Amino acid sequence: MASRTSETVTGPRSEDALPSSTASAVKIVIVGGFGVGKTTLVRSVSEIRPLTTEETMTQASVSVDDLEGVERKRMTTVAMDFGRISIDDEMVLYVFGTPGQQRFWFLWNGLFEGSLGAVVLVDTRRLEASFDVLGRLEEAHTPFVVAVNAFDEAPTYSEAELRQALDLPDAVPLLHCDARSRESSKEVLLALMRYLYALATRTETAQTS
């Protein structure tokens, strides 16, 4: 299979260098089922050349991967996606996208090491593809927000219906986004950061009371 990697071995570009004012960096992970738009989100939001590990899907994958609802998908991530975005002059986010197929989930442990939280991308055409993903995050006690990605002709549900279908607690933020839009994707990342800050503040208050 021919690899389509957006990083080439030509050395770093000056515009990819970490700003000198950076004082802290946070690692977060983008997860979700197969074909929900994780690579698209990383590409749209990254301020540097994103690193992707996409491979062309072959006929052999048809019997392995569930293509229902994403029959036109031709490329798939087989290791990870990586990008970076500055939140302000002092803080940057390192954004890692995971592969969606369960046969690549053995890579998750390494990708999650050192991360503070996750964004779960959801496609309402295939809500069931998110069930195992959410279960793994809950078992690992990883904080996360859920973002419903916009797809043409995807069914729409109310927030209450989505929370019920995903068995999502009221405290977990639920957003709608368009992974193709930099501003929309950035807002999802900021929502996760606000959620992580609220959790940290709540924990600190509980420990001091």
Protein backbone atom coordinates (compact mmCIF):
# COMPACT_ATOMS: atom_id res chain seq x y z
CA MET A 1 0.00 0.00 0.00
CA ALA A 2 1.29 3.44 -0.87
CA SER A 3 1.74 5.67 2.15
CA ARG A 4 0.41 9.21 2.07
CA THR A 5 2.30 11.08 4.78
CA SER A 6 2.06 14.86 4.96
CA GLU A 7 5.54 15.02 6.55
CA THR A 8 8.56 14.57 4.27
CA VAL A 9 12.14 14.03 5.36
CA THR A 10 13.41 17.50 4.50
CA GLY A 11 14.03 18.84 7.99
CA PRO A 12 11.90 21.22 10.06
CA ARG A 13 10.64 24.45 8.57
CA SER A 14 11.27 27.68 10.45
CA GLU A 15 7.53 28.31 10.73
CA ASP A 16 7.15 24.93 12.49
CA ALA A 17 9.51 25.92 15.30
CA LEU A 18 8.04 26.17 18.78
CA PRO A 19 7.48 29.84 19.73
CA SER A 20 10.14 31.11 22.14
CA SER A 21 7.43 32.41 24.49
CA THR A 22 6.01 28.91 25.06
CA ALA A 23 6.02 28.06 28.77
CA SER A 24 3.85 24.93 28.83
CA ALA A 25 2.63 22.21 26.51
CA VAL A 26 -0.38 19.93 26.86
CA LYS A 27 -0.92 16.63 25.07
CA ILE A 28 -4.46 15.66 24.05
CA VAL A 29 -5.79 12.82 21.92
CA ILE A 30 -8.51 12.74 19.26
CA VAL A 31 -10.37 9.41 19.23
CA GLY A 32 -13.43 7.95 17.58
CA GLY A 33 -14.67 5.19 15.36
CA PHE A 34 -13.52 4.45 11.85
CA GLY A 35 -14.08 7.34 9.42
CA VAL A 36 -15.43 9.94 11.88
CA GLY A 37 -13.00 12.68 10.80
CA LYS A 38 -10.06 12.51 13.20
CA THR A 39 -7.41 13.11 10.53
CA THR A 40 -9.50 15.93 9.06
CA LEU A 41 -9.70 17.66 12.45
CA VAL A 42 -5.97 17.41 13.09
CA ARG A 43 -5.21 18.76 9.63
CA SER A 44 -7.65 21.64 9.90
CA VAL A 45 -6.54 22.83 13.32
CA SER A 46 -2.78 22.32 13.19
CA GLU A 47 -0.62 25.43 12.80
CA ILE A 48 2.31 23.31 11.60
CA ARG A 49 2.56 20.72 8.86
CA PRO A 50 0.51 17.86 10.29
CA LEU A 51 2.09 14.44 10.38
CA THR A 52 -0.30 11.74 9.17
CA THR A 53 0.14 8.03 8.55
CA GLU A 54 -2.57 7.39 5.99
CA GLU A 55 -2.57 4.34 3.76
CA THR A 56 -4.70 3.59 0.73
CA MET A 57 -7.44 1.12 1.60
CA THR A 58 -7.35 -2.07 -0.45
CA GLN A 59 -9.94 -4.68 -1.28
CA ALA A 60 -8.46 -6.87 1.45
CA SER A 61 -9.71 -4.46 4.13
CA VAL A 62 -13.33 -4.83 3.06
CA SER A 63 -13.72 -8.09 4.94
CA VAL A 64 -11.94 -6.65 8.00
CA ASP A 65 -13.20 -3.07 8.43
CA ASP A 66 -16.85 -2.10 8.71
CA LEU A 67 -17.42 0.36 5.86
CA GLU A 68 -21.14 0.81 6.40
CA GLY A 69 -21.88 4.52 6.17
CA VAL A 70 -18.37 5.36 4.90
CA GLU A 71 -18.32 3.39 1.68
CA ARG A 72 -16.53 6.19 -0.20
CA LYS A 73 -13.60 6.30 2.23
CA ARG A 74 -10.35 5.57 0.39
CA MET A 75 -7.64 6.39 2.95
CA THR A 76 -7.21 5.33 6.57
CA THR A 77 -4.87 6.15 9.45
CA VAL A 78 -2.74 3.18 10.47
CA ALA A 79 -0.61 4.67 13.26
CA MET A 80 -1.39 8.24 14.30
CA ASP A 81 -1.92 11.83 13.25
CA PHE A 82 -0.03 14.68 14.90
CA GLY A 83 -0.45 18.44 14.92
CA ARG A 84 0.16 21.46 17.13
CA ILE A 85 -1.89 24.53 17.98
CA SER A 86 -1.05 27.53 20.17
CA ILE A 87 -3.75 28.41 22.69
CA ASP A 88 -1.99 31.66 23.61
CA ASP A 89 1.56 33.03 23.67
CA GLU A 90 2.59 30.64 26.45
CA MET A 91 0.62 27.41 25.96
CA VAL A 92 0.55 24.97 23.06
CA LEU A 93 -1.47 21.81 22.52
CA TYR A 94 0.06 18.73 20.97
CA VAL A 95 -2.79 16.96 19.21
CA PHE A 96 -2.59 13.23 18.47
CA GLY A 97 -5.19 11.42 16.38
CA THR A 98 -5.68 7.68 16.88
CA PRO A 99 -6.52 5.06 14.24
CA GLY A 100 -10.20 4.15 14.24
CA GLN A 101 -10.13 0.46 13.37
CA GLN A 102 -10.07 -1.85 16.37
CA ARG A 103 -7.23 -3.87 14.83
CA PHE A 104 -4.97 -0.83 15.42
CA TRP A 105 -6.15 -0.09 18.96
CA PHE A 106 -3.04 -1.70 20.42
CA LEU A 107 -1.34 1.62 19.57
CA TRP A 108 -3.62 3.56 21.91
CA ASN A 109 -1.64 2.98 25.10
CA GLY A 110 1.43 4.71 23.71
CA LEU A 111 -0.57 7.57 22.23
CA PHE A 112 -2.39 8.20 25.51
CA GLU A 113 0.76 8.20 27.64
CA GLY A 114 1.15 11.66 29.14
CA SER A 115 -2.13 13.00 27.75
CA LEU A 116 -4.48 15.06 29.90
CA GLY A 117 -7.70 14.29 28.06
CA ALA A 118 -9.42 13.35 24.85
CA VAL A 119 -11.92 14.49 22.25
CA VAL A 120 -14.33 11.80 21.07
CA LEU A 121 -15.53 12.49 17.53
CA VAL A 122 -18.95 11.05 16.73
CA ASP A 123 -20.80 10.44 13.46
CA THR A 124 -24.58 10.24 13.95
CA ARG A 125 -24.83 7.87 10.98
CA ARG A 126 -22.84 5.33 12.98
CA LEU A 127 -23.31 6.09 16.67
CA GLU A 128 -22.56 2.47 17.58
CA ALA A 129 -18.98 2.98 16.39
CA SER A 130 -18.44 5.21 19.43
CA PHE A 131 -19.62 2.80 22.10
CA ASP A 132 -16.37 0.87 22.55
CA VAL A 133 -14.33 4.06 22.32
CA LEU A 134 -16.28 5.70 25.14
CA GLY A 135 -16.06 2.51 27.17
CA ARG A 136 -12.28 2.40 26.92
CA LEU A 137 -11.93 6.02 28.03
CA GLU A 138 -14.25 5.50 30.98
CA GLU A 139 -12.35 2.38 32.06
CA ALA A 140 -9.08 4.32 31.88
CA HIS A 141 -10.62 7.29 33.79
CA THR A 142 -9.57 9.61 30.97
CA PRO A 143 -11.48 12.93 30.92
CA PHE A 144 -13.11 13.63 27.56
CA VAL A 145 -15.57 15.76 25.66
CA VAL A 146 -17.77 14.52 22.81
CA ALA A 147 -17.98 16.38 19.49
CA VAL A 148 -20.58 15.43 16.88
CA ASN A 149 -18.97 15.92 13.50
CA ALA A 150 -21.03 17.36 10.65
CA PHE A 151 -21.70 15.02 7.72
CA ASP A 152 -24.02 15.50 4.78
CA GLU A 153 -27.32 13.64 5.18
CA ALA A 154 -26.43 12.57 8.71
CA PRO A 155 -29.48 12.24 10.99
CA THR A 156 -29.96 14.92 13.62
CA TYR A 157 -30.77 14.24 17.24
CA SER A 158 -31.50 16.38 20.24
CA GLU A 159 -28.89 16.64 22.97
CA ALA A 160 -31.06 14.49 25.24
CA GLU A 161 -31.33 11.79 22.56
CA LEU A 162 -27.59 11.81 21.95
CA ARG A 163 -26.76 11.61 25.63
CA GLN A 164 -29.14 8.72 26.06
CA ALA A 165 -27.81 6.86 23.00
CA LEU A 166 -24.19 7.34 24.11
CA ASP A 167 -24.96 6.86 27.83
CA LEU A 168 -23.27 10.19 28.37
CA PRO A 169 -23.37 11.86 31.82
CA ASP A 170 -24.72 15.41 31.97
CA ALA A 171 -21.36 16.67 33.24
CA VAL A 172 -19.51 15.63 30.06
CA PRO A 173 -19.56 18.43 27.45
CA LEU A 174 -21.35 17.58 24.20
CA LEU A 175 -20.67 19.80 21.19
CA HIS A 176 -21.36 19.95 17.46
CA CYS A 177 -18.52 20.70 15.09
CA ASP A 178 -17.31 20.67 11.52
CA ALA A 179 -13.89 19.00 11.52
CA ARG A 180 -13.09 20.70 8.20
CA SER A 181 -13.26 24.12 9.85
CA ARG A 182 -10.25 25.39 11.77
CA GLU A 183 -12.36 27.63 14.01
CA SER A 184 -14.88 24.89 14.74
CA SER A 185 -12.13 22.37 15.53
CA LYS A 186 -10.31 24.90 17.70
CA GLU A 187 -13.47 25.49 19.70
CA VAL A 188 -13.70 21.76 20.42
CA LEU A 189 -10.14 21.77 21.75
CA LEU A 190 -10.86 24.83 23.88
CA ALA A 191 -13.97 23.12 25.26
CA LEU A 192 -11.79 20.21 26.36
CA MET A 193 -9.31 22.58 28.01
CA ARG A 194 -12.10 24.38 29.87
CA TYR A 195 -13.49 21.03 31.00
CA LEU A 196 -10.07 19.85 32.22
CA TYR A 197 -9.61 23.13 34.10
CA ALA A 198 -13.02 22.77 35.75
CA LEU A 199 -12.21 19.21 36.81
CA ALA A 200 -8.85 20.28 38.24
CA THR A 201 -10.43 23.18 40.13
CA ARG A 202 -13.14 20.89 41.52
CA THR A 203 -10.54 18.37 42.69
CA GLU A 204 -8.40 21.07 44.30
CA THR A 205 -11.41 22.51 46.13
CA ALA A 206 -12.41 19.07 47.40
CA GLN A 207 -8.90 18.39 48.68
CA THR A 208 -8.68 21.68 50.58
CA SER A 209 -12.18 21.59 52.09
